[in-house]
Amino acid sequence: MKTFQSYSELAACVGQEVAVTDWITVTQQQIDLFAEATGDHQWIHVDPQRAAQGPFGTTIAHGFLTLSLIPRFFEAAFTIAGARMGVNYGLNRVRFMAPVPAGSRVRARLMLMALEPAAPDGVQMTWQVTMEREGGDKPVCVAESLARNYGAAP
């Protein structure tokens, strides 16, 4: 995990890949729990027998489950010393480019695209998050994620 000592140190990374996270496994249990939480019980996600006959040969994670891993990847990749709070601010663009079959391992590449002040004492960061599946030939998700952080040294 990378620790930034100040927002200035982080700002020096604009335009660069800041981190590549460790792999995490997306389990069928996570997929089922996500279906329960959201009410999205489409068979391609939660019915292994039917999904075995479908286009991917198995169940796949919901696109929004894949997207919801972004905060986990940020938390594992870096910290900003002295920060008292970080919040998700939104997304500018999201594309789900390939499925995430149950049992797949995924990771994220985090590129800092922009950093600007956010009152009263923070910054807004724009990140390009490229999620890849181990053994996959293209990203599973590419998202432009906005995050705000407050309280660290300038």
N, C-alpha and C. Protein backbone atom coordinates (compact mmCIF):
# COMPACT_ATOMS: atom_id res chain seq x y z
N MET A 1 0.85 -1.18 0.00
CA MET A 1 0.00 0.00 0.00
C MET A 1 0.89 1.24 0.00
N LYS A 2 0.50 2.20 -0.83
CA LYS A 2 1.24 3.45 -0.91
C LYS A 2 0.63 4.46 0.06
N THR A 3 1.49 5.19 0.77
CA THR A 3 1.03 6.26 1.65
C THR A 3 1.52 7.59 1.11
N PHE A 4 0.57 8.48 0.84
CA PHE A 4 0.90 9.84 0.44
C PHE A 4 0.93 10.69 1.69
N GLN A 5 1.98 11.51 1.85
CA GLN A 5 2.14 12.34 3.03
C GLN A 5 1.38 13.66 2.94
N SER A 6 0.96 14.03 1.72
CA SER A 6 0.25 15.29 1.53
C SER A 6 -0.51 15.25 0.21
N TYR A 7 -1.41 16.20 0.04
CA TYR A 7 -2.10 16.33 -1.24
C TYR A 7 -1.12 16.73 -2.34
N SER A 8 -0.10 17.51 -1.99
CA SER A 8 0.91 17.90 -2.99
C SER A 8 1.64 16.68 -3.53
N GLU A 9 1.95 15.75 -2.65
CA GLU A 9 2.61 14.52 -3.08
C GLU A 9 1.70 13.73 -4.02
N LEU A 10 0.43 13.68 -3.69
CA LEU A 10 -0.54 12.99 -4.54
C LEU A 10 -0.67 13.72 -5.88
N ALA A 11 -0.72 15.05 -5.85
CA ALA A 11 -0.87 15.84 -7.08
C ALA A 11 0.26 15.57 -8.07
N ALA A 12 1.44 15.25 -7.57
CA ALA A 12 2.57 14.95 -8.44
C ALA A 12 2.34 13.69 -9.27
N CYS A 13 1.33 12.91 -8.93
CA CYS A 13 1.05 11.65 -9.63
C CYS A 13 -0.03 11.79 -10.71
N VAL A 14 -0.56 12.99 -10.90
CA VAL A 14 -1.59 13.17 -11.93
C VAL A 14 -1.04 12.72 -13.27
N GLY A 15 -1.83 11.91 -13.98
CA GLY A 15 -1.42 11.38 -15.27
C GLY A 15 -0.68 10.06 -15.19
N GLN A 16 -0.51 9.54 -13.98
CA GLN A 16 0.26 8.32 -13.79
C GLN A 16 -0.59 7.20 -13.19
N GLU A 17 -0.18 5.98 -13.46
CA GLU A 17 -0.75 4.84 -12.75
C GLU A 17 -0.17 4.84 -11.35
N VAL A 18 -1.03 4.93 -10.36
CA VAL A 18 -0.61 5.05 -8.97
C VAL A 18 -0.47 3.68 -8.32
N ALA A 19 -1.33 2.75 -8.70
CA ALA A 19 -1.31 1.43 -8.05
C ALA A 19 -1.94 0.37 -8.92
N VAL A 20 -1.49 -0.85 -8.69
CA VAL A 20 -2.14 -2.05 -9.20
C VAL A 20 -2.43 -2.89 -7.96
N THR A 21 -3.70 -3.18 -7.73
CA THR A 21 -4.09 -3.87 -6.51
C THR A 21 -3.78 -5.35 -6.58
N ASP A 22 -3.87 -6.00 -5.43
CA ASP A 22 -3.80 -7.45 -5.39
C ASP A 22 -5.08 -8.02 -6.00
N TRP A 23 -5.01 -9.29 -6.38
CA TRP A 23 -6.17 -9.99 -6.90
C TRP A 23 -7.14 -10.31 -5.76
N ILE A 24 -8.44 -10.21 -6.04
CA ILE A 24 -9.46 -10.68 -5.10
C ILE A 24 -10.39 -11.61 -5.87
N THR A 25 -10.95 -12.58 -5.17
CA THR A 25 -11.85 -13.55 -5.79
C THR A 25 -13.30 -13.10 -5.61
N VAL A 26 -14.05 -13.15 -6.70
CA VAL A 26 -15.48 -12.85 -6.66
C VAL A 26 -16.21 -14.19 -6.58
N THR A 27 -16.82 -14.46 -5.44
CA THR A 27 -17.43 -15.76 -5.18
C THR A 27 -18.92 -15.77 -5.53
N GLN A 28 -19.45 -16.97 -5.70
CA GLN A 28 -20.89 -17.10 -5.92
C GLN A 28 -21.66 -16.58 -4.70
N GLN A 29 -21.11 -16.77 -3.51
CA GLN A 29 -21.77 -16.26 -2.32
C GLN A 29 -21.90 -14.74 -2.38
N GLN A 30 -20.85 -14.04 -2.80
CA GLN A 30 -20.93 -12.58 -2.94
C GLN A 30 -22.00 -12.20 -3.97
N ILE A 31 -22.03 -12.92 -5.07
CA ILE A 31 -23.02 -12.65 -6.12
C ILE A 31 -24.43 -12.84 -5.58
N ASP A 32 -24.64 -13.93 -4.84
CA ASP A 32 -25.97 -14.19 -4.25
C ASP A 32 -26.36 -13.12 -3.24
N LEU A 33 -25.41 -12.71 -2.41
CA LEU A 33 -25.71 -11.67 -1.43
C LEU A 33 -26.01 -10.34 -2.11
N PHE A 34 -25.30 -10.05 -3.19
CA PHE A 34 -25.57 -8.82 -3.93
C PHE A 34 -26.97 -8.88 -4.54
N ALA A 35 -27.35 -10.04 -5.05
CA ALA A 35 -28.70 -10.21 -5.60
C ALA A 35 -29.75 -9.97 -4.52
N GLU A 36 -29.51 -10.47 -3.33
CA GLU A 36 -30.45 -10.26 -2.22
C GLU A 36 -30.53 -8.78 -1.85
N ALA A 37 -29.39 -8.12 -1.80
CA ALA A 37 -29.37 -6.72 -1.40
C ALA A 37 -30.05 -5.81 -2.42
N THR A 38 -29.95 -6.16 -3.71
CA THR A 38 -30.46 -5.27 -4.76
C THR A 38 -31.78 -5.72 -5.37
N GLY A 39 -32.15 -6.98 -5.13
CA GLY A 39 -33.36 -7.51 -5.76
C GLY A 39 -33.15 -7.94 -7.19
N ASP A 40 -31.92 -7.97 -7.66
CA ASP A 40 -31.61 -8.38 -9.03
C ASP A 40 -31.27 -9.87 -9.02
N HIS A 41 -32.28 -10.69 -9.27
CA HIS A 41 -32.12 -12.15 -9.21
C HIS A 41 -32.09 -12.78 -10.60
N GLN A 42 -31.62 -12.06 -11.59
CA GLN A 42 -31.57 -12.61 -12.95
C GLN A 42 -30.80 -13.93 -12.94
N TRP A 43 -31.29 -14.91 -13.67
CA TRP A 43 -30.73 -16.26 -13.65
C TRP A 43 -29.25 -16.31 -14.01
N ILE A 44 -28.79 -15.40 -14.86
CA ILE A 44 -27.38 -15.43 -15.26
C ILE A 44 -26.45 -15.21 -14.06
N HIS A 45 -27.01 -14.65 -12.98
CA HIS A 45 -26.22 -14.39 -11.79
C HIS A 45 -26.41 -15.45 -10.70
N VAL A 46 -27.61 -15.96 -10.55
CA VAL A 46 -27.93 -16.74 -9.35
C VAL A 46 -28.38 -18.19 -9.59
N ASP A 47 -28.49 -18.62 -10.83
CA ASP A 47 -28.94 -19.99 -11.13
C ASP A 47 -27.84 -20.75 -11.86
N PRO A 48 -26.96 -21.43 -11.10
CA PRO A 48 -25.82 -22.11 -11.74
C PRO A 48 -26.23 -23.14 -12.80
N GLN A 49 -27.32 -23.86 -12.58
CA GLN A 49 -27.72 -24.87 -13.55
C GLN A 49 -28.15 -24.22 -14.87
N ARG A 50 -28.99 -23.23 -14.79
CA ARG A 50 -29.43 -22.55 -16.01
C ARG A 50 -28.27 -21.78 -16.65
N ALA A 51 -27.46 -21.13 -15.83
CA ALA A 51 -26.33 -20.36 -16.36
C ALA A 51 -25.32 -21.25 -17.07
N ALA A 52 -25.21 -22.51 -16.64
CA ALA A 52 -24.30 -23.45 -17.31
C ALA A 52 -24.67 -23.63 -18.77
N GLN A 53 -25.95 -23.43 -19.10
CA GLN A 53 -26.42 -23.55 -20.48
C GLN A 53 -26.42 -22.20 -21.20
N GLY A 54 -26.07 -21.15 -20.50
CA GLY A 54 -26.10 -19.79 -21.06
C GLY A 54 -24.84 -19.44 -21.82
N PRO A 55 -24.71 -18.19 -22.20
CA PRO A 55 -23.60 -17.77 -23.06
C PRO A 55 -22.22 -17.82 -22.42
N PHE A 56 -22.14 -17.85 -21.08
CA PHE A 56 -20.84 -17.83 -20.41
C PHE A 56 -20.49 -19.15 -19.76
N GLY A 57 -21.43 -20.10 -19.75
CA GLY A 57 -21.17 -21.43 -19.20
C GLY A 57 -21.20 -21.50 -17.69
N THR A 58 -21.46 -20.39 -17.04
CA THR A 58 -21.50 -20.32 -15.59
C THR A 58 -22.19 -19.02 -15.19
N THR A 59 -22.41 -18.85 -13.90
CA THR A 59 -22.95 -17.57 -13.43
C THR A 59 -21.88 -16.50 -13.53
N ILE A 60 -22.35 -15.26 -13.64
CA ILE A 60 -21.44 -14.12 -13.69
C ILE A 60 -21.87 -13.08 -12.67
N ALA A 61 -20.91 -12.29 -12.22
CA ALA A 61 -21.20 -11.20 -11.28
C ALA A 61 -22.02 -10.13 -11.97
N HIS A 62 -22.88 -9.49 -11.21
CA HIS A 62 -23.60 -8.32 -11.69
C HIS A 62 -22.57 -7.25 -12.05
N GLY A 63 -22.84 -6.48 -13.09
CA GLY A 63 -21.95 -5.37 -13.41
C GLY A 63 -21.81 -4.41 -12.24
N PHE A 64 -22.93 -4.14 -11.56
CA PHE A 64 -22.86 -3.20 -10.45
C PHE A 64 -22.13 -3.78 -9.24
N LEU A 65 -22.09 -5.10 -9.11
CA LEU A 65 -21.26 -5.72 -8.07
C LEU A 65 -19.79 -5.45 -8.40
N THR A 66 -19.42 -5.66 -9.64
CA THR A 66 -18.05 -5.38 -10.07
C THR A 66 -17.70 -3.92 -9.77
N LEU A 67 -18.60 -3.02 -10.14
CA LEU A 67 -18.38 -1.59 -9.90
C LEU A 67 -18.24 -1.28 -8.41
N SER A 68 -19.02 -1.97 -7.60
CA SER A 68 -19.01 -1.69 -6.15
C SER A 68 -17.71 -2.09 -5.47
N LEU A 69 -16.82 -2.77 -6.19
CA LEU A 69 -15.52 -3.13 -5.62
C LEU A 69 -14.53 -1.96 -5.62
N ILE A 70 -14.86 -0.88 -6.32
CA ILE A 70 -13.93 0.24 -6.41
C ILE A 70 -13.48 0.75 -5.04
N PRO A 71 -14.38 1.02 -4.09
CA PRO A 71 -13.88 1.49 -2.78
C PRO A 71 -12.93 0.50 -2.10
N ARG A 72 -13.20 -0.77 -2.26
CA ARG A 72 -12.31 -1.79 -1.68
C ARG A 72 -10.92 -1.70 -2.31
N PHE A 73 -10.87 -1.50 -3.61
CA PHE A 73 -9.57 -1.37 -4.29
C PHE A 73 -8.84 -0.11 -3.83
N PHE A 74 -9.56 1.01 -3.71
CA PHE A 74 -8.93 2.24 -3.22
C PHE A 74 -8.35 2.02 -1.82
N GLU A 75 -9.13 1.43 -0.95
CA GLU A 75 -8.68 1.22 0.43
C GLU A 75 -7.43 0.35 0.50
N ALA A 76 -7.35 -0.62 -0.38
CA ALA A 76 -6.20 -1.53 -0.38
C ALA A 76 -4.97 -0.93 -1.05
N ALA A 77 -5.17 0.08 -1.91
CA ALA A 77 -4.07 0.57 -2.73
C ALA A 77 -3.29 1.73 -2.13
N PHE A 78 -3.99 2.65 -1.46
CA PHE A 78 -3.28 3.83 -0.96
C PHE A 78 -4.01 4.44 0.23
N THR A 79 -3.26 5.27 0.94
CA THR A 79 -3.82 6.06 2.03
C THR A 79 -3.18 7.45 1.95
N ILE A 80 -3.87 8.42 2.53
CA ILE A 80 -3.35 9.78 2.57
C ILE A 80 -3.18 10.14 4.04
N ALA A 81 -1.94 10.34 4.45
CA ALA A 81 -1.65 10.61 5.86
C ALA A 81 -2.41 11.84 6.34
N GLY A 82 -3.00 11.72 7.50
CA GLY A 82 -3.70 12.84 8.11
C GLY A 82 -5.12 13.05 7.62
N ALA A 83 -5.53 12.28 6.62
CA ALA A 83 -6.90 12.46 6.12
C ALA A 83 -7.88 11.99 7.18
N ARG A 84 -8.93 12.78 7.36
CA ARG A 84 -9.93 12.40 8.36
C ARG A 84 -11.14 11.73 7.74
N MET A 85 -11.33 11.92 6.40
CA MET A 85 -12.51 11.35 5.78
C MET A 85 -12.34 11.31 4.27
N GLY A 86 -12.83 10.23 3.68
CA GLY A 86 -12.91 10.12 2.23
C GLY A 86 -14.32 9.72 1.85
N VAL A 87 -14.81 10.25 0.73
CA VAL A 87 -16.16 9.92 0.28
C VAL A 87 -16.17 9.69 -1.22
N ASN A 88 -17.04 8.79 -1.66
CA ASN A 88 -17.30 8.63 -3.08
C ASN A 88 -18.11 9.81 -3.53
N TYR A 89 -17.74 10.41 -4.65
CA TYR A 89 -18.46 11.58 -5.14
C TYR A 89 -19.28 11.27 -6.39
N GLY A 90 -18.96 10.18 -7.05
CA GLY A 90 -19.74 9.79 -8.22
C GLY A 90 -18.88 9.19 -9.30
N LEU A 91 -19.50 9.05 -10.45
CA LEU A 91 -18.86 8.45 -11.62
C LEU A 91 -19.16 9.31 -12.84
N ASN A 92 -18.18 9.45 -13.70
CA ASN A 92 -18.41 10.17 -14.95
C ASN A 92 -18.72 9.22 -16.10
N ARG A 93 -18.11 8.06 -16.09
CA ARG A 93 -18.26 7.13 -17.20
C ARG A 93 -17.96 5.73 -16.70
N VAL A 94 -18.77 4.78 -17.11
CA VAL A 94 -18.57 3.38 -16.72
C VAL A 94 -18.87 2.50 -17.93
N ARG A 95 -18.03 1.52 -18.16
CA ARG A 95 -18.28 0.52 -19.19
C ARG A 95 -17.95 -0.86 -18.62
N PHE A 96 -18.86 -1.81 -18.85
CA PHE A 96 -18.64 -3.21 -18.48
C PHE A 96 -18.26 -3.94 -19.76
N MET A 97 -17.00 -4.26 -19.91
CA MET A 97 -16.47 -4.72 -21.18
C MET A 97 -16.36 -6.23 -21.31
N ALA A 98 -16.42 -6.93 -20.19
CA ALA A 98 -16.33 -8.39 -20.22
C ALA A 98 -16.95 -8.92 -18.94
N PRO A 99 -17.47 -10.14 -18.97
CA PRO A 99 -18.10 -10.71 -17.77
C PRO A 99 -17.07 -11.12 -16.73
N VAL A 100 -17.58 -11.25 -15.48
CA VAL A 100 -16.78 -11.76 -14.37
C VAL A 100 -17.44 -13.05 -13.90
N PRO A 101 -16.99 -14.20 -14.43
CA PRO A 101 -17.58 -15.47 -13.99
C PRO A 101 -17.34 -15.70 -12.50
N ALA A 102 -18.31 -16.34 -11.84
CA ALA A 102 -18.15 -16.68 -10.43
C ALA A 102 -16.84 -17.44 -10.24
N GLY A 103 -16.12 -17.09 -9.18
CA GLY A 103 -14.84 -17.71 -8.89
C GLY A 103 -13.65 -17.02 -9.54
N SER A 104 -13.91 -15.99 -10.34
CA SER A 104 -12.82 -15.25 -11.00
C SER A 104 -12.06 -14.40 -10.00
N ARG A 105 -10.81 -14.15 -10.35
CA ARG A 105 -10.01 -13.20 -9.59
C ARG A 105 -9.90 -11.92 -10.40
N VAL A 106 -10.12 -10.79 -9.72
CA VAL A 106 -10.04 -9.49 -10.37
C VAL A 106 -9.10 -8.57 -9.59
N ARG A 107 -8.60 -7.58 -10.28
CA ARG A 107 -7.78 -6.54 -9.64
C ARG A 107 -8.04 -5.25 -10.38
N ALA A 108 -7.49 -4.15 -9.85
CA ALA A 108 -7.70 -2.84 -10.46
C ALA A 108 -6.37 -2.14 -10.68
N ARG A 109 -6.32 -1.43 -11.78
CA ARG A 109 -5.24 -0.49 -12.07
C ARG A 109 -5.82 0.90 -11.85
N LEU A 110 -5.15 1.69 -11.03
CA LEU A 110 -5.66 3.01 -10.65
C LEU A 110 -4.76 4.10 -11.21
N MET A 111 -5.32 4.90 -12.12
CA MET A 111 -4.59 6.02 -12.69
C MET A 111 -5.25 7.32 -12.24
N LEU A 112 -4.47 8.18 -11.63
CA LEU A 112 -4.97 9.48 -11.18
C LEU A 112 -5.03 10.42 -12.38
N MET A 113 -6.25 10.79 -12.78
CA MET A 113 -6.43 11.64 -13.96
C MET A 113 -6.41 13.13 -13.62
N ALA A 114 -6.94 13.49 -12.44
CA ALA A 114 -7.00 14.91 -12.06
C ALA A 114 -7.12 15.01 -10.55
N LEU A 115 -6.68 16.14 -10.04
CA LEU A 115 -6.81 16.45 -8.61
C LEU A 115 -7.05 17.95 -8.50
N GLU A 116 -8.13 18.31 -7.81
CA GLU A 116 -8.46 19.73 -7.66
C GLU A 116 -8.94 20.00 -6.24
N PRO A 117 -8.86 21.24 -5.78
CA PRO A 117 -9.30 21.56 -4.42
C PRO A 117 -10.79 21.31 -4.23
N ALA A 118 -11.14 20.91 -3.02
CA ALA A 118 -12.54 20.75 -2.61
C ALA A 118 -12.66 21.37 -1.22
N ALA A 119 -13.43 22.44 -1.13
CA ALA A 119 -13.58 23.16 0.14
C ALA A 119 -14.27 22.27 1.17
N PRO A 120 -13.94 22.38 2.45
CA PRO A 120 -13.08 23.43 3.00
C PRO A 120 -11.60 23.06 3.02
N ASP A 121 -11.25 21.82 3.16
CA ASP A 121 -9.83 21.47 3.32
C ASP A 121 -9.49 20.16 2.63
N GLY A 122 -10.03 19.97 1.42
CA GLY A 122 -9.84 18.69 0.77
C GLY A 122 -9.49 18.79 -0.69
N VAL A 123 -9.57 17.63 -1.33
CA VAL A 123 -9.33 17.53 -2.76
C VAL A 123 -10.39 16.62 -3.38
N GLN A 124 -10.64 16.86 -4.65
CA GLN A 124 -11.43 15.93 -5.44
C GLN A 124 -10.49 15.26 -6.42
N MET A 125 -10.52 13.94 -6.42
CA MET A 125 -9.66 13.15 -7.29
C MET A 125 -10.52 12.49 -8.37
N THR A 126 -10.02 12.51 -9.58
CA THR A 126 -10.65 11.78 -10.68
C THR A 126 -9.72 10.63 -11.04
N TRP A 127 -10.24 9.42 -10.91
CA TRP A 127 -9.46 8.21 -11.12
C TRP A 127 -9.99 7.44 -12.32
N GLN A 128 -9.10 6.94 -13.13
CA GLN A 128 -9.49 5.92 -14.11
C GLN A 128 -9.20 4.58 -13.45
N VAL A 129 -10.26 3.81 -13.26
CA VAL A 129 -10.14 2.50 -12.64
C VAL A 129 -10.36 1.46 -13.73
N THR A 130 -9.35 0.68 -13.99
CA THR A 130 -9.44 -0.39 -14.99
C THR A 130 -9.37 -1.71 -14.26
N MET A 131 -10.50 -2.43 -14.25
CA MET A 131 -10.55 -3.72 -13.58
C MET A 131 -10.30 -4.83 -14.59
N GLU A 132 -9.43 -5.75 -14.22
CA GLU A 132 -9.11 -6.87 -15.09
C GLU A 132 -9.34 -8.19 -14.38
N ARG A 133 -9.68 -9.19 -15.19
CA ARG A 133 -9.89 -10.55 -14.68
C ARG A 133 -8.65 -11.36 -15.00
N GLU A 134 -8.18 -12.08 -14.03
CA GLU A 134 -7.02 -12.94 -14.23
C GLU A 134 -7.29 -13.89 -15.40
N GLY A 135 -6.40 -13.86 -16.37
CA GLY A 135 -6.55 -14.71 -17.55
C GLY A 135 -7.44 -14.13 -18.63
N GLY A 136 -8.07 -12.98 -18.35
CA GLY A 136 -8.94 -12.34 -19.34
C GLY A 136 -8.13 -11.59 -20.38
N ASP A 137 -8.73 -11.38 -21.55
CA ASP A 137 -8.01 -10.70 -22.62
C ASP A 137 -8.38 -9.22 -22.76
N LYS A 138 -9.38 -8.77 -21.97
CA LYS A 138 -9.72 -7.35 -21.96
C LYS A 138 -10.27 -6.99 -20.59
N PRO A 139 -10.30 -5.71 -20.27
CA PRO A 139 -10.82 -5.30 -18.95
C PRO A 139 -12.27 -5.74 -18.77
N VAL A 140 -12.64 -6.00 -17.51
CA VAL A 140 -14.03 -6.32 -17.20
C VAL A 140 -14.83 -5.06 -16.95
N CYS A 141 -14.16 -4.01 -16.52
CA CYS A 141 -14.83 -2.74 -16.24
C CYS A 141 -13.80 -1.62 -16.32
N VAL A 142 -14.20 -0.53 -16.94
CA VAL A 142 -13.40 0.69 -16.92
C VAL A 142 -14.33 1.80 -16.44
N ALA A 143 -13.92 2.49 -15.38
CA ALA A 143 -14.77 3.51 -14.79
C ALA A 143 -13.94 4.75 -14.46
N GLU A 144 -14.55 5.90 -14.64
CA GLU A 144 -13.97 7.16 -14.19
C GLU A 144 -14.66 7.50 -12.88
N SER A 145 -13.92 7.35 -11.81
CA SER A 145 -14.48 7.47 -10.46
C SER A 145 -14.01 8.77 -9.81
N LEU A 146 -14.95 9.46 -9.17
CA LEU A 146 -14.64 10.69 -8.45
C LEU A 146 -14.67 10.40 -6.95
N ALA A 147 -13.64 10.83 -6.27
CA ALA A 147 -13.57 10.65 -4.82
C ALA A 147 -13.09 11.95 -4.20
N ARG A 148 -13.59 12.23 -3.02
CA ARG A 148 -13.14 13.41 -2.27
C ARG A 148 -12.49 12.96 -0.98
N ASN A 149 -11.50 13.73 -0.56
CA ASN A 149 -10.77 13.44 0.65
C ASN A 149 -10.59 14.75 1.40
N TYR A 150 -10.72 14.68 2.71
CA TYR A 150 -10.66 15.91 3.52
C TYR A 150 -9.69 15.75 4.69
N GLY A 151 -8.99 16.85 4.97
CA GLY A 151 -8.24 16.95 6.20
C GLY A 151 -6.76 16.69 6.18
N ALA A 152 -6.19 16.24 5.07
CA ALA A 152 -4.74 15.98 5.05
C ALA A 152 -3.99 17.28 4.82
N ALA A 153 -2.68 17.20 4.95
CA ALA A 153 -1.83 18.37 4.72
C ALA A 153 -1.87 18.75 3.23
N PRO A 154 -1.81 20.03 2.94
CA PRO A 154 -1.82 20.47 1.55
C PRO A 154 -0.60 19.95 0.84
